[in-house]
Amino acid sequence: MAAQELLAIKEQILSIHQAAELALNDENRDSILGPELMEFYANGTGAAILRLAVSMDALRVVGIVTGHDDVITPEEEEITKVITVALVNVLGKIRPEYANAQEKSPAELLEQYLQDDGPFGFLCAETTW
């Protein structure tokens, strides 16, 4: 995938982050986050949780695409890297299992995510929408 396309993916994710942050305020936070995400509110701001949810959804798409052949190509790793850069700081605060996420390669992080059945994980039905 061309560098320009990777940049476009990154920009789209950042744009969604910004729109989510603009929509969230103290009055609507509980209804936007819902009960599943509110349980994590003490571990981060509402905006951080929304950024994490958006990034994990993007990672889910990458996981679905890459999961069919059990091989993560360099191109897939580059796409994963664009997404993981946006979420590693927040993810470790909300999910202790990812505390060392910054030390992992994008492929290693994707592999961990694909096996994850905890909140925001690939196998978690409660945070899949």
N, C-alpha and C. Protein backbone atom coordinates (compact mmCIF):
# COMPACT_ATOMS: atom_id res chain seq x y z
N MET A 1 0.85 -1.18 0.00
CA MET A 1 0.00 0.00 0.00
C MET A 1 0.90 1.23 0.00
N ALA A 2 0.53 2.18 -0.78
CA ALA A 2 1.34 3.39 -0.92
C ALA A 2 1.30 4.23 0.35
N ALA A 3 2.38 4.96 0.56
CA ALA A 3 2.48 5.83 1.74
C ALA A 3 1.33 6.82 1.79
N GLN A 4 0.90 7.29 0.63
CA GLN A 4 -0.20 8.26 0.59
C GLN A 4 -1.50 7.62 1.11
N GLU A 5 -1.73 6.35 0.78
CA GLU A 5 -2.93 5.66 1.25
C GLU A 5 -2.86 5.44 2.76
N LEU A 6 -1.68 5.09 3.26
CA LEU A 6 -1.52 4.91 4.71
C LEU A 6 -1.77 6.22 5.45
N LEU A 7 -1.28 7.30 4.89
CA LEU A 7 -1.51 8.61 5.49
C LEU A 7 -3.01 8.94 5.49
N ALA A 8 -3.71 8.58 4.43
CA ALA A 8 -5.15 8.82 4.35
C ALA A 8 -5.89 8.04 5.43
N ILE A 9 -5.48 6.80 5.67
CA ILE A 9 -6.10 6.00 6.73
C ILE A 9 -5.87 6.66 8.08
N LYS A 10 -4.65 7.09 8.32
CA LYS A 10 -4.33 7.74 9.58
C LYS A 10 -5.16 9.02 9.75
N GLU A 11 -5.25 9.80 8.72
CA GLU A 11 -6.02 11.04 8.78
C GLU A 11 -7.50 10.77 9.03
N GLN A 12 -8.02 9.73 8.44
CA GLN A 12 -9.43 9.38 8.66
C GLN A 12 -9.67 8.98 10.11
N ILE A 13 -8.77 8.20 10.66
CA ILE A 13 -8.91 7.79 12.07
C ILE A 13 -8.84 9.02 12.97
N LEU A 14 -7.89 9.92 12.71
CA LEU A 14 -7.77 11.13 13.52
C LEU A 14 -9.00 12.02 13.38
N SER A 15 -9.56 12.08 12.19
CA SER A 15 -10.78 12.86 11.97
C SER A 15 -11.95 12.29 12.77
N ILE A 16 -12.07 10.98 12.79
CA ILE A 16 -13.13 10.35 13.59
C ILE A 16 -12.90 10.62 15.07
N HIS A 17 -11.65 10.55 15.51
CA HIS A 17 -11.33 10.87 16.91
C HIS A 17 -11.80 12.28 17.25
N GLN A 18 -11.46 13.23 16.41
CA GLN A 18 -11.83 14.63 16.66
C GLN A 18 -13.34 14.81 16.69
N ALA A 19 -14.05 14.20 15.77
CA ALA A 19 -15.51 14.32 15.74
C ALA A 19 -16.12 13.72 17.01
N ALA A 20 -15.60 12.60 17.45
CA ALA A 20 -16.11 11.96 18.67
C ALA A 20 -15.86 12.85 19.88
N GLU A 21 -14.69 13.44 19.95
CA GLU A 21 -14.36 14.32 21.07
C GLU A 21 -15.24 15.56 21.10
N LEU A 22 -15.54 16.12 19.93
CA LEU A 22 -16.40 17.30 19.86
C LEU A 22 -17.83 16.97 20.29
N ALA A 23 -18.27 15.76 20.03
CA ALA A 23 -19.64 15.37 20.37
C ALA A 23 -19.81 15.03 21.84
N LEU A 24 -18.73 14.71 22.53
CA LEU A 24 -18.81 14.25 23.92
C LEU A 24 -18.70 15.41 24.89
N ASN A 25 -19.63 15.47 25.86
CA ASN A 25 -19.53 16.45 26.94
C ASN A 25 -20.08 15.82 28.22
N ASP A 26 -20.01 16.54 29.33
CA ASP A 26 -20.44 15.98 30.61
C ASP A 26 -21.92 15.59 30.62
N GLU A 27 -22.73 16.28 29.84
CA GLU A 27 -24.16 16.00 29.83
C GLU A 27 -24.51 14.72 29.07
N ASN A 28 -23.77 14.41 28.02
CA ASN A 28 -24.12 13.23 27.22
C ASN A 28 -23.13 12.07 27.35
N ARG A 29 -22.10 12.26 28.17
CA ARG A 29 -21.04 11.25 28.29
C ARG A 29 -21.60 9.86 28.61
N ASP A 30 -22.48 9.75 29.61
CA ASP A 30 -22.99 8.44 30.01
C ASP A 30 -23.76 7.75 28.88
N SER A 31 -24.57 8.51 28.15
CA SER A 31 -25.37 7.91 27.09
C SER A 31 -24.52 7.58 25.86
N ILE A 32 -23.50 8.38 25.57
CA ILE A 32 -22.64 8.08 24.42
C ILE A 32 -21.75 6.87 24.71
N LEU A 33 -21.14 6.84 25.88
CA LEU A 33 -20.25 5.73 26.20
C LEU A 33 -21.02 4.45 26.49
N GLY A 34 -22.19 4.57 27.11
CA GLY A 34 -22.98 3.40 27.48
C GLY A 34 -22.37 2.66 28.65
N PRO A 35 -23.10 1.72 29.23
CA PRO A 35 -22.63 1.04 30.44
C PRO A 35 -21.34 0.24 30.25
N GLU A 36 -21.16 -0.35 29.06
CA GLU A 36 -19.95 -1.16 28.84
C GLU A 36 -18.68 -0.30 28.90
N LEU A 37 -18.74 0.89 28.29
CA LEU A 37 -17.55 1.73 28.27
C LEU A 37 -17.42 2.57 29.54
N MET A 38 -18.54 2.88 30.20
CA MET A 38 -18.46 3.69 31.42
C MET A 38 -17.69 2.98 32.53
N GLU A 39 -17.65 1.66 32.50
CA GLU A 39 -16.88 0.95 33.52
C GLU A 39 -15.39 1.29 33.45
N PHE A 40 -14.95 1.79 32.29
CA PHE A 40 -13.55 2.16 32.12
C PHE A 40 -13.30 3.64 32.36
N TYR A 41 -14.35 4.40 32.62
CA TYR A 41 -14.22 5.85 32.71
C TYR A 41 -13.21 6.28 33.76
N ALA A 42 -13.12 5.59 34.87
CA ALA A 42 -12.17 5.96 35.92
C ALA A 42 -10.72 5.83 35.47
N ASN A 43 -10.48 5.06 34.42
CA ASN A 43 -9.12 4.85 33.93
C ASN A 43 -8.72 5.80 32.82
N GLY A 44 -9.59 6.73 32.47
CA GLY A 44 -9.25 7.67 31.41
C GLY A 44 -10.40 8.62 31.16
N THR A 45 -10.17 9.60 30.36
CA THR A 45 -11.24 10.54 30.04
C THR A 45 -12.21 9.90 29.06
N GLY A 46 -13.39 10.46 28.98
CA GLY A 46 -14.35 9.97 28.00
C GLY A 46 -13.81 10.05 26.60
N ALA A 47 -13.11 11.13 26.28
CA ALA A 47 -12.54 11.30 24.94
C ALA A 47 -11.50 10.21 24.67
N ALA A 48 -10.68 9.89 25.66
CA ALA A 48 -9.67 8.85 25.48
C ALA A 48 -10.33 7.50 25.23
N ILE A 49 -11.43 7.24 25.93
CA ILE A 49 -12.13 5.98 25.74
C ILE A 49 -12.74 5.92 24.34
N LEU A 50 -13.29 7.04 23.88
CA LEU A 50 -13.83 7.08 22.51
C LEU A 50 -12.73 6.87 21.48
N ARG A 51 -11.57 7.51 21.68
CA ARG A 51 -10.45 7.32 20.75
C ARG A 51 -10.04 5.85 20.72
N LEU A 52 -10.00 5.25 21.91
CA LEU A 52 -9.63 3.84 22.00
C LEU A 52 -10.65 2.97 21.27
N ALA A 53 -11.93 3.23 21.49
CA ALA A 53 -12.98 2.43 20.84
C ALA A 53 -12.89 2.53 19.32
N VAL A 54 -12.68 3.74 18.82
CA VAL A 54 -12.56 3.94 17.36
C VAL A 54 -11.33 3.20 16.84
N SER A 55 -10.22 3.33 17.52
CA SER A 55 -8.98 2.68 17.07
C SER A 55 -9.11 1.16 17.13
N MET A 56 -9.75 0.65 18.18
CA MET A 56 -9.91 -0.79 18.28
C MET A 56 -10.84 -1.31 17.19
N ASP A 57 -11.85 -0.52 16.82
CA ASP A 57 -12.71 -0.93 15.70
C ASP A 57 -11.91 -0.99 14.41
N ALA A 58 -11.03 -0.02 14.21
CA ALA A 58 -10.18 -0.04 13.02
C ALA A 58 -9.25 -1.25 13.06
N LEU A 59 -8.72 -1.54 14.24
CA LEU A 59 -7.85 -2.70 14.39
C LEU A 59 -8.64 -3.99 14.14
N ARG A 60 -9.92 -4.00 14.53
CA ARG A 60 -10.77 -5.15 14.26
C ARG A 60 -10.86 -5.42 12.76
N VAL A 61 -11.03 -4.36 11.97
CA VAL A 61 -11.10 -4.52 10.52
C VAL A 61 -9.79 -5.11 10.00
N VAL A 62 -8.67 -4.59 10.49
CA VAL A 62 -7.37 -5.13 10.08
C VAL A 62 -7.27 -6.59 10.49
N GLY A 63 -7.75 -6.90 11.70
CA GLY A 63 -7.71 -8.28 12.19
C GLY A 63 -8.52 -9.22 11.32
N ILE A 64 -9.69 -8.75 10.88
CA ILE A 64 -10.53 -9.58 10.00
C ILE A 64 -9.84 -9.81 8.67
N VAL A 65 -9.26 -8.75 8.12
CA VAL A 65 -8.59 -8.86 6.82
C VAL A 65 -7.37 -9.76 6.91
N THR A 66 -6.56 -9.60 7.95
CA THR A 66 -5.33 -10.37 8.06
C THR A 66 -5.55 -11.75 8.63
N GLY A 67 -6.66 -11.95 9.32
CA GLY A 67 -6.90 -13.23 9.99
C GLY A 67 -7.22 -14.39 9.10
N HIS A 68 -7.49 -14.15 7.84
CA HIS A 68 -7.89 -15.23 6.96
C HIS A 68 -6.73 -16.11 6.52
N ASP A 69 -5.53 -15.60 6.55
CA ASP A 69 -4.41 -16.42 6.09
C ASP A 69 -3.33 -16.64 7.14
N ASP A 70 -3.55 -16.12 8.35
CA ASP A 70 -2.60 -16.27 9.47
C ASP A 70 -1.20 -15.74 9.17
N VAL A 71 -1.09 -14.87 8.18
CA VAL A 71 0.19 -14.26 7.84
C VAL A 71 -0.01 -12.75 7.82
N ILE A 72 0.85 -12.04 8.54
CA ILE A 72 0.79 -10.58 8.53
C ILE A 72 1.90 -10.09 7.62
N THR A 73 1.52 -9.57 6.48
CA THR A 73 2.48 -9.09 5.50
C THR A 73 3.07 -7.76 5.95
N PRO A 74 4.19 -7.35 5.36
CA PRO A 74 4.74 -6.02 5.68
C PRO A 74 3.72 -4.90 5.44
N GLU A 75 2.93 -5.02 4.39
CA GLU A 75 1.92 -4.01 4.10
C GLU A 75 0.86 -3.96 5.20
N GLU A 76 0.41 -5.12 5.65
CA GLU A 76 -0.58 -5.19 6.73
C GLU A 76 0.01 -4.65 8.03
N GLU A 77 1.30 -4.94 8.26
CA GLU A 77 1.96 -4.43 9.46
C GLU A 77 2.03 -2.90 9.43
N GLU A 78 2.27 -2.32 8.27
CA GLU A 78 2.30 -0.85 8.16
C GLU A 78 0.95 -0.24 8.48
N ILE A 79 -0.11 -0.86 7.98
CA ILE A 79 -1.46 -0.37 8.29
C ILE A 79 -1.73 -0.50 9.78
N THR A 80 -1.35 -1.63 10.35
CA THR A 80 -1.54 -1.86 11.78
C THR A 80 -0.77 -0.82 12.59
N LYS A 81 0.43 -0.48 12.14
CA LYS A 81 1.25 0.51 12.84
C LYS A 81 0.55 1.87 12.88
N VAL A 82 -0.05 2.27 11.77
CA VAL A 82 -0.76 3.54 11.72
C VAL A 82 -1.85 3.57 12.78
N ILE A 83 -2.55 2.46 12.94
CA ILE A 83 -3.65 2.39 13.90
C ILE A 83 -3.12 2.27 15.33
N THR A 84 -2.13 1.43 15.55
CA THR A 84 -1.66 1.20 16.92
C THR A 84 -0.99 2.42 17.52
N VAL A 85 -0.38 3.26 16.71
CA VAL A 85 0.23 4.48 17.22
C VAL A 85 -0.83 5.33 17.93
N ALA A 86 -2.06 5.29 17.40
CA ALA A 86 -3.14 6.09 17.96
C ALA A 86 -3.70 5.51 19.25
N LEU A 87 -3.40 4.26 19.57
CA LEU A 87 -4.06 3.67 20.73
C LEU A 87 -3.17 3.12 21.83
N VAL A 88 -1.88 2.92 21.59
CA VAL A 88 -1.06 2.24 22.59
C VAL A 88 -0.98 2.98 23.93
N ASN A 89 -0.96 4.28 23.93
CA ASN A 89 -0.85 5.00 25.19
C ASN A 89 -2.09 4.81 26.06
N VAL A 90 -3.26 4.85 25.45
CA VAL A 90 -4.51 4.73 26.19
C VAL A 90 -4.80 3.27 26.54
N LEU A 91 -4.52 2.38 25.63
CA LEU A 91 -4.84 0.98 25.82
C LEU A 91 -4.19 0.40 27.07
N GLY A 92 -2.94 0.71 27.32
CA GLY A 92 -2.24 0.20 28.49
C GLY A 92 -2.82 0.71 29.80
N LYS A 93 -3.40 1.90 29.80
CA LYS A 93 -4.03 2.44 31.01
C LYS A 93 -5.35 1.75 31.31
N ILE A 94 -6.08 1.40 30.27
CA ILE A 94 -7.40 0.81 30.45
C ILE A 94 -7.32 -0.71 30.59
N ARG A 95 -6.39 -1.32 29.89
CA ARG A 95 -6.22 -2.77 29.93
C ARG A 95 -4.78 -3.09 30.33
N PRO A 96 -4.55 -3.50 31.59
CA PRO A 96 -3.19 -3.78 32.06
C PRO A 96 -2.44 -4.80 31.21
N GLU A 97 -3.17 -5.68 30.54
CA GLU A 97 -2.53 -6.70 29.69
C GLU A 97 -1.74 -6.07 28.56
N TYR A 98 -2.04 -4.80 28.25
CA TYR A 98 -1.38 -4.10 27.16
C TYR A 98 -0.39 -3.04 27.67
N ALA A 99 -0.01 -3.13 28.92
CA ALA A 99 0.88 -2.12 29.51
C ALA A 99 2.19 -2.00 28.75
N ASN A 100 2.66 -3.08 28.16
CA ASN A 100 3.93 -3.05 27.41
C ASN A 100 3.70 -2.95 25.90
N ALA A 101 2.54 -2.46 25.49
CA ALA A 101 2.19 -2.39 24.07
C ALA A 101 3.18 -1.56 23.26
N GLN A 102 3.75 -0.53 23.87
CA GLN A 102 4.70 0.33 23.14
C GLN A 102 5.96 -0.41 22.76
N GLU A 103 6.25 -1.50 23.48
CA GLU A 103 7.47 -2.26 23.22
C GLU A 103 7.28 -3.32 22.15
N LYS A 104 6.04 -3.55 21.75
CA LYS A 104 5.75 -4.60 20.77
C LYS A 104 5.73 -4.04 19.36
N SER A 105 6.03 -4.91 18.43
CA SER A 105 5.90 -4.53 17.02
C SER A 105 4.41 -4.52 16.69
N PRO A 106 4.02 -3.83 15.63
CA PRO A 106 2.60 -3.86 15.23
C PRO A 106 2.08 -5.28 15.02
N ALA A 107 2.90 -6.15 14.44
CA ALA A 107 2.46 -7.53 14.21
C ALA A 107 2.24 -8.26 15.53
N GLU A 108 3.13 -8.04 16.50
CA GLU A 108 2.97 -8.68 17.82
C GLU A 108 1.72 -8.17 18.53
N LEU A 109 1.48 -6.88 18.43
CA LEU A 109 0.30 -6.29 19.05
C LEU A 109 -0.97 -6.81 18.39
N LEU A 110 -0.95 -6.93 17.08
CA LEU A 110 -2.11 -7.46 16.37
C LEU A 110 -2.37 -8.91 16.77
N GLU A 111 -1.32 -9.70 16.89
CA GLU A 111 -1.48 -11.10 17.32
C GLU A 111 -2.10 -11.16 18.72
N GLN A 112 -1.63 -10.32 19.64
CA GLN A 112 -2.19 -10.28 20.99
C GLN A 112 -3.67 -9.90 20.92
N TYR A 113 -3.98 -8.89 20.12
CA TYR A 113 -5.35 -8.42 19.99
C TYR A 113 -6.27 -9.50 19.42
N LEU A 114 -5.81 -10.25 18.43
CA LEU A 114 -6.63 -11.28 17.80
C LEU A 114 -6.98 -12.42 18.77
N GLN A 115 -6.17 -12.60 19.82
CA GLN A 115 -6.43 -13.64 20.83
C GLN A 115 -7.15 -13.10 22.06
N ASP A 116 -7.41 -11.81 22.10
CA ASP A 116 -7.92 -11.13 23.29
C ASP A 116 -9.44 -11.25 23.40
N ASP A 117 -9.90 -11.81 24.53
CA ASP A 117 -11.34 -11.89 24.77
C ASP A 117 -11.80 -10.92 25.85
N GLY A 118 -10.90 -10.04 26.29
CA GLY A 118 -11.26 -9.02 27.28
C GLY A 118 -11.87 -7.81 26.60
N PRO A 119 -12.32 -6.83 27.40
CA PRO A 119 -12.94 -5.62 26.84
C PRO A 119 -12.08 -4.97 25.76
N PHE A 120 -12.68 -4.66 24.64
CA PHE A 120 -12.07 -4.08 23.44
C PHE A 120 -11.28 -5.09 22.63
N GLY A 121 -11.17 -6.32 23.11
CA GLY A 121 -10.43 -7.35 22.37
C GLY A 121 -11.22 -7.89 21.19
N PHE A 122 -10.53 -8.51 20.27
CA PHE A 122 -11.13 -9.04 19.05
C PHE A 122 -12.21 -10.06 19.36
N LEU A 123 -12.01 -10.86 20.40
CA LEU A 123 -12.95 -11.94 20.73
C LEU A 123 -14.01 -11.54 21.74
N CYS A 124 -14.06 -10.27 22.14
CA CYS A 124 -15.00 -9.80 23.16
C CYS A 124 -16.32 -9.38 22.52
N ALA A 125 -17.38 -10.13 22.81
CA ALA A 125 -18.70 -9.82 22.24
C ALA A 125 -19.29 -8.53 22.81
N GLU A 126 -19.00 -8.21 24.06
CA GLU A 126 -19.60 -7.04 24.71
C GLU A 126 -19.16 -5.72 24.12
N THR A 127 -17.94 -5.65 23.58
CA THR A 127 -17.47 -4.38 23.01
C THR A 127 -17.32 -4.46 21.49
N THR A 128 -18.06 -5.34 20.89
CA THR A 128 -18.10 -5.45 19.43
C THR A 128 -19.40 -4.83 18.96
N TRP A 129 -19.29 -3.84 18.08
CA TRP A 129 -20.50 -3.22 17.54
C TRP A 129 -20.28 -2.84 16.11
